[in-house]
C-alpha atoms as a PDB file:
ATOM      1  CA  MET A   1     -90.525 -83.023  24.271  1.00  0.00           C
ATOM      2  CA  LYS A   2     -88.805 -79.826  25.349  1.00  0.00           C
ATOM      3  CA  THR A   3     -85.855 -78.341  23.517  1.00  0.00           C
ATOM      4  CA  PRO A   4     -82.598 -79.378  25.214  1.00  0.00           C
ATOM      5  CA  THR A   5     -80.341 -76.690  26.596  1.00  0.00           C
ATOM      6  CA  LEU A   6     -76.798 -76.301  25.319  1.00  0.00           C
ATOM      7  CA  GLU A   7     -75.641 -77.693  28.646  1.00  0.00           C
ATOM      8  CA  GLU A   8     -77.761 -80.844  28.207  1.00  0.00           C
ATOM      9  CA  ILE A   9     -76.400 -81.377  24.701  1.00  0.00           C
ATOM     10  CA  TYR A  10     -72.852 -80.786  25.940  1.00  0.00           C
ATOM     11  CA  TYR A  11     -73.167 -83.321  28.765  1.00  0.00           C
ATOM     12  CA  TYR A  12     -74.768 -85.909  26.484  1.00  0.00           C
ATOM     13  CA  CYS A  13     -71.898 -85.568  23.990  1.00  0.00           C
ATOM     14  CA  LYS A  14     -69.336 -85.616  26.787  1.00  0.00           C
ATOM     15  CA  TYR A  15     -70.865 -88.809  28.196  1.00  0.00           C
ATOM     16  CA  VAL A  16     -70.756 -90.578  24.813  1.00  0.00           C
ATOM     17  CA  ILE A  17     -67.201 -89.393  24.115  1.00  0.00           C
ATOM     18  CA  ILE A  18     -65.883 -90.460  27.523  1.00  0.00           C
ATOM     19  CA  THR A  19     -67.672 -93.813  27.650  1.00  0.00           C
ATOM     20  CA  GLY A  20     -66.696 -94.499  24.038  1.00  0.00           C
ATOM     21  CA  ARG A  21     -63.068 -93.596  24.792  1.00  0.00           C
ATOM     22  CA  MET A  22     -63.081 -91.311  21.758  1.00  0.00           C
ATOM     23  CA  GLU A  23     -60.240 -89.101  20.616  1.00  0.00           C
ATOM     24  CA  LYS A  24     -60.496 -85.304  20.946  1.00  0.00           C
ATOM     25  CA  GLU A  25     -60.921 -84.917  17.164  1.00  0.00           C
ATOM     26  CA  ILE A  26     -64.127 -86.962  17.068  1.00  0.00           C
ATOM     27  CA  PRO A  27     -66.564 -84.101  17.914  1.00  0.00           C
ATOM     28  CA  ILE A  28     -65.237 -82.147  14.928  1.00  0.00           C
ATOM     29  CA  LEU A  29     -65.855 -85.047  12.566  1.00  0.00           C
ATOM     30  CA  CYS A  30     -69.260 -85.541  14.186  1.00  0.00           C
ATOM     31  CA  LEU A  31     -70.284 -81.963  13.363  1.00  0.00           C
ATOM     32  CA  ILE A  32     -69.190 -82.416   9.754  1.00  0.00           C
ATOM     33  CA  TYR A  33     -71.231 -85.609   9.444  1.00  0.00           C
ATOM     34  CA  LEU A  34     -74.270 -83.983  11.053  1.00  0.00           C
ATOM     35  CA  GLU A  35     -74.085 -81.093   8.598  1.00  0.00           C
ATOM     36  CA  ARG A  36     -73.832 -83.529   5.677  1.00  0.00           C
ATOM     37  CA  PHE A  37     -76.793 -85.435   7.050  1.00  0.00           C
ATOM     38  CA  THR A  38     -79.041 -82.378   7.259  1.00  0.00           C
ATOM     39  CA  LYS A  39     -77.981 -81.076   3.836  1.00  0.00           C
ATOM     40  CA  LYS A  40     -78.298 -84.378   1.989  1.00  0.00           C
ATOM     41  CA  SER A  41     -81.376 -85.777   3.726  1.00  0.00           C
ATOM     42  CA  GLY A  42     -83.324 -82.573   4.380  1.00  0.00           C
ATOM     43  CA  ILE A  43     -84.023 -83.870   7.887  1.00  0.00           C
ATOM     44  CA  LEU A  44     -83.524 -81.273  10.590  1.00  0.00           C
ATOM     45  CA  ILE A  45     -82.003 -82.034  13.955  1.00  0.00           C
ATOM     46  CA  SER A  46     -84.706 -81.688  16.588  1.00  0.00           C
ATOM     47  CA  PRO A  47     -85.303 -82.412  20.279  1.00  0.00           C
ATOM     48  CA  HIS A  48     -86.737 -85.765  19.161  1.00  0.00           C
ATOM     49  CA  ASN A  49     -83.752 -86.997  17.164  1.00  0.00           C
ATOM     50  CA  TYR A  50     -80.627 -85.136  18.315  1.00  0.00           C
ATOM     51  CA  LYS A  51     -79.420 -87.849  20.702  1.00  0.00           C
ATOM     52  CA  ARG A  52     -79.640 -90.648  18.149  1.00  0.00           C
ATOM     53  CA  LEU A  53     -78.141 -88.564  15.323  1.00  0.00           C
ATOM     54  CA  THR A  54     -75.326 -87.328  17.541  1.00  0.00           C
ATOM     55  CA  LEU A  55     -74.603 -90.828  18.833  1.00  0.00           C
ATOM     56  CA  ILE A  56     -74.446 -92.350  15.348  1.00  0.00           C
ATOM     57  CA  SER A  57     -72.301 -89.469  14.077  1.00  0.00           C
ATOM     58  CA  LEU A  58     -69.889 -89.862  16.983  1.00  0.00           C
ATOM     59  CA  ILE A  59     -69.692 -93.632  16.465  1.00  0.00           C
ATOM     60  CA  LEU A  60     -69.008 -93.261  12.735  1.00  0.00           C
ATOM     61  CA  ALA A  61     -66.439 -90.532  13.343  1.00  0.00           C
ATOM     62  CA  SER A  62     -64.688 -92.740  15.875  1.00  0.00           C
ATOM     63  CA  LYS A  63     -64.612 -95.674  13.469  1.00  0.00           C
ATOM     64  CA  ILE A  64     -63.136 -93.497  10.725  1.00  0.00           C
ATOM     65  CA  TRP A  65     -60.572 -91.664  12.873  1.00  0.00           C
ATOM     66  CA  ASP A  66     -59.460 -94.190  15.470  1.00  0.00           C
ATOM     67  CA  ASP A  67     -57.969 -97.579  14.629  1.00  0.00           C
ATOM     68  CA  ASP A  68     -58.944 -98.772  18.107  1.00  0.00           C
ATOM     69  CA  SER A  69     -62.549 -97.533  18.290  1.00  0.00           C
ATOM     70  CA  LEU A  70     -65.257 -99.358  20.178  1.00  0.00           C
ATOM     71  CA  GLU A  71     -67.625-101.542  18.213  1.00  0.00           C
ATOM     72  CA  ASN A  72     -71.401-101.096  18.124  1.00  0.00           C
ATOM     73  CA  VAL A  73     -71.843-103.959  20.581  1.00  0.00           C
ATOM     74  CA  HIS A  74     -70.138-101.967  23.341  1.00  0.00           C
ATOM     75  CA  PHE A  75     -72.462 -98.959  23.379  1.00  0.00           C
ATOM     76  CA  PRO A  76     -75.654-100.648  24.664  1.00  0.00           C
ATOM     77  CA  GLN A  77     -73.607-101.896  27.624  1.00  0.00           C
ATOM     78  CA  VAL A  78     -73.152 -98.318  28.877  1.00  0.00           C
ATOM     79  CA  MET A  79     -76.176 -96.657  27.258  1.00  0.00           C
ATOM     80  CA  THR A  80     -79.232 -98.518  28.417  1.00  0.00           C
ATOM     81  CA  ASP A  81     -81.660 -96.503  26.274  1.00  0.00           C
ATOM     82  CA  ILE A  82     -80.434 -98.014  22.979  1.00  0.00           C
ATOM     83  CA  THR A  83     -80.041-101.544  21.660  1.00  0.00           C
ATOM     84  CA  LEU A  84     -77.403-103.037  19.397  1.00  0.00           C
ATOM     85  CA  LYS A  85     -80.058-103.598  16.726  1.00  0.00           C
ATOM     86  CA  GLU A  86     -81.114 -99.949  16.887  1.00  0.00           C
ATOM     87  CA  ILE A  87     -77.509 -98.724  16.622  1.00  0.00           C
ATOM     88  CA  SER A  88     -76.842-100.951  13.609  1.00  0.00           C
ATOM     89  CA  GLU A  89     -80.061 -99.888  11.872  1.00  0.00           C
ATOM     90  CA  LEU A  90     -79.485 -96.183  12.569  1.00  0.00           C
ATOM     91  CA  GLU A  91     -75.931 -96.444  11.301  1.00  0.00           C
ATOM     92  CA  ALA A  92     -77.053 -98.103   8.051  1.00  0.00           C
ATOM     93  CA  VAL A  93     -79.772 -95.496   7.426  1.00  0.00           C
ATOM     94  CA  PHE A  94     -77.448 -92.602   8.306  1.00  0.00           C
ATOM     95  CA  LEU A  95     -74.795 -93.891   5.898  1.00  0.00           C
ATOM     96  CA  ARG A  96     -77.323 -94.277   3.078  1.00  0.00           C
ATOM     97  CA  LEU A  97     -78.698 -90.776   3.664  1.00  0.00           C
ATOM     98  CA  ILE A  98     -75.223 -89.211   3.428  1.00  0.00           C
ATOM     99  CA  ASP A  99     -74.402 -91.372   0.387  1.00  0.00           C
ATOM    100  CA  PHE A 100     -71.583 -93.036   2.359  1.00  0.00           C
ATOM    101  CA  ASP A 101     -69.689 -89.724   2.109  1.00  0.00           C
ATOM    102  CA  LEU A 102     -67.264 -90.097   5.037  1.00  0.00           C
ATOM    103  CA  VAL A 103     -64.125 -88.511   3.573  1.00  0.00           C
ATOM    104  CA  ILE A 104     -63.183 -85.210   5.218  1.00  0.00           C
ATOM    105  CA  ARG A 105     -60.809 -82.760   3.572  1.00  0.00           C
ATOM    106  CA  GLY A 106     -58.285 -80.836   5.656  1.00  0.00           C
ATOM    107  CA  ALA A 107     -59.892 -77.464   4.899  1.00  0.00           C
ATOM    108  CA  GLU A 108     -63.282 -78.788   5.992  1.00  0.00           C
ATOM    109  CA  TYR A 109     -61.815 -80.125   9.224  1.00  0.00           C
ATOM    110  CA  ALA A 110     -60.078 -76.788   9.896  1.00  0.00           C
ATOM    111  CA  LYS A 111     -63.307 -74.836   9.312  1.00  0.00           C
ATOM    112  CA  PHE A 112     -65.218 -76.873  11.894  1.00  0.00           C
ATOM    113  CA  TYR A 113     -62.270 -76.893  14.296  1.00  0.00           C
ATOM    114  CA  PHE A 114     -62.290 -73.102  14.391  1.00  0.00           C
ATOM    115  CA  VAL A 115     -66.080 -72.968  14.707  1.00  0.00           C
ATOM    116  CA  LEU A 116     -65.885 -75.213  17.778  1.00  0.00           C
ATOM    117  CA  LYS A 117     -62.931 -73.296  19.180  1.00  0.00           C
ATOM    118  CA  THR A 118     -64.867 -70.040  18.824  1.00  0.00           C
ATOM    119  CA  LEU A 119     -67.860 -71.506  20.642  1.00  0.00           C
ATOM    120  CA  SER A 120     -65.810 -72.899  23.531  1.00  0.00           C
END
């Protein structure tokens, strides 16, 4: 599997965010959760796992941030490469590997906000 370009990653994230009707803050939370995942689990993000890790991070971020987020059952309807069972299993494993640490402090949010702003 070849390494995805930044453009491919961007369009994948954009697709998930638009189809999931996610708020503009969700990508920031997603980055925080991905960093926690790599630090706590020791698993690196690679061309083989970035889509699944990003998807689960975006879904969790949406559930935490947005009172009206989509449920897991909705994603396989627009993303044909993943099943409801796979989403639920990935979510459970991801949560265990980050020790269910979903709370984000304001300073942490601000740090990642400015990182993203600098990159854009």
